[in-house]
Protein backbone atom coordinates (compact mmCIF):
# COMPACT_ATOMS: atom_id res chain seq x y z
CA ALA A 1 0.00 0.00 0.00
CA ALA A 2 2.83 2.42 0.84
CA VAL A 3 4.61 1.83 -2.47
CA LYS A 4 1.36 2.14 -4.42
CA ASN A 5 0.57 5.47 -2.73
CA ALA A 6 4.11 6.79 -3.19
CA THR A 7 4.00 5.85 -6.88
CA ALA A 8 0.59 7.49 -7.30
CA ILE A 9 1.80 10.80 -5.86
CA GLY A 10 5.19 10.61 -7.57
CA VAL A 11 7.26 10.69 -4.37
CA PRO A 12 9.71 7.80 -3.93
CA GLN A 13 9.80 6.48 -0.38
CA ASN A 14 11.74 4.26 1.95
CA VAL A 15 9.29 1.75 3.40
CA ALA A 16 10.00 -0.03 6.68
CA VAL A 17 7.95 -2.81 8.24
CA VAL A 18 8.54 -3.81 11.85
CA ASP A 19 7.21 -6.64 13.98
CA PRO A 20 5.16 -6.11 17.18
CA SER A 21 8.35 -5.61 19.18
CA GLY A 22 9.63 -2.92 16.80
CA LEU A 23 12.26 -5.02 15.06
CA LEU A 24 12.72 -4.52 11.33
CA VAL A 25 11.33 -7.39 9.27
CA ALA A 26 11.20 -5.81 5.80
CA PHE A 27 12.58 -2.74 4.08
CA LEU A 28 12.23 -1.35 0.57
CA ARG A 29 13.97 1.68 -0.87
CA MET A 30 12.23 2.90 -4.00
CA ASP A 31 14.43 4.24 -6.80
CA ASN A 32 15.51 7.83 -6.04
CA ALA A 33 14.19 7.82 -2.46
CA TYR A 34 16.34 9.97 -0.19
CA ILE A 35 19.16 8.03 1.43
CA GLY A 36 18.77 10.19 4.53
CA SER A 37 15.24 8.89 4.97
CA ILE A 38 16.29 5.26 5.40
CA ASP A 39 16.91 5.66 9.13
CA ILE A 40 13.88 7.94 9.53
CA SER A 41 11.51 5.41 7.95
CA GLN A 42 12.72 2.66 10.26
CA LYS A 43 12.47 4.83 13.36
CA LYS A 44 9.00 6.09 12.38
CA ALA A 45 7.77 2.50 12.05
CA ARG A 46 9.30 1.58 15.39
CA THR A 47 7.87 4.68 17.07
CA ALA A 48 4.37 3.74 15.95
CA VAL A 49 4.77 0.24 17.41
CA VAL A 50 6.22 1.21 20.79
CA PHE A 51 3.43 3.76 21.25
CA ASN A 52 0.65 1.32 20.26
CA GLY A 53 -0.03 2.70 16.80
CA LEU A 54 -0.08 6.38 17.77
CA PRO A 55 1.08 8.29 14.69
CA SER A 56 4.50 9.85 15.23
CA ALA A 57 2.96 13.28 14.65
CA GLY A 58 0.76 12.62 17.69
CA LEU A 59 3.86 12.72 19.88
CA TYR A 60 5.03 16.10 18.61
CA ASN A 61 3.25 18.34 21.12
CA ALA A 62 3.89 15.96 24.01
CA SER A 63 7.63 15.99 23.28
CA GLN A 64 8.15 19.76 23.30
CA PRO A 65 9.96 21.61 26.14
CA GLY A 66 7.83 21.66 29.28
CA ALA A 67 5.54 18.88 28.01
CA PRO A 68 5.26 15.50 29.75
CA LEU A 69 7.30 13.59 27.16
CA TYR A 70 9.93 16.26 26.54
CA ALA A 71 12.93 14.77 24.67
CA ILE A 72 11.29 11.33 24.29
CA GLU A 73 12.79 11.18 20.79
CA GLN A 74 16.21 10.85 22.42
CA THR A 75 15.26 7.56 24.08
CA ASN A 76 14.82 4.01 22.80
CA ASP A 77 17.67 4.35 20.29
CA GLY A 78 15.90 7.34 18.74
CA LEU A 79 12.24 7.89 17.98
CA VAL A 80 10.59 10.11 15.37
CA VAL A 81 7.97 12.58 16.57
CA PHE A 82 7.08 14.44 13.38
CA GLY A 83 4.43 13.50 10.86
CA GLY A 84 4.67 12.52 7.23
CA GLY A 85 5.84 9.54 5.33
């Protein structure tokens, strides 16, 4: 589904699939997808799993200075708290 959507909108993506514990089980880099997004795609997938499917963008406000999860993205070998992808 991710590749089909990326193809439809003309934006090559890096697609990561993780298991219920957040471990990578499959990865696909579409032609011309940004190399810098490889790590991001894997961490975004893992972030969604460790927070029970909460979209990474849902953590953005909670991870800002003064918020209850401030700097959470620095834990767990790095999480991603911005949307997109």
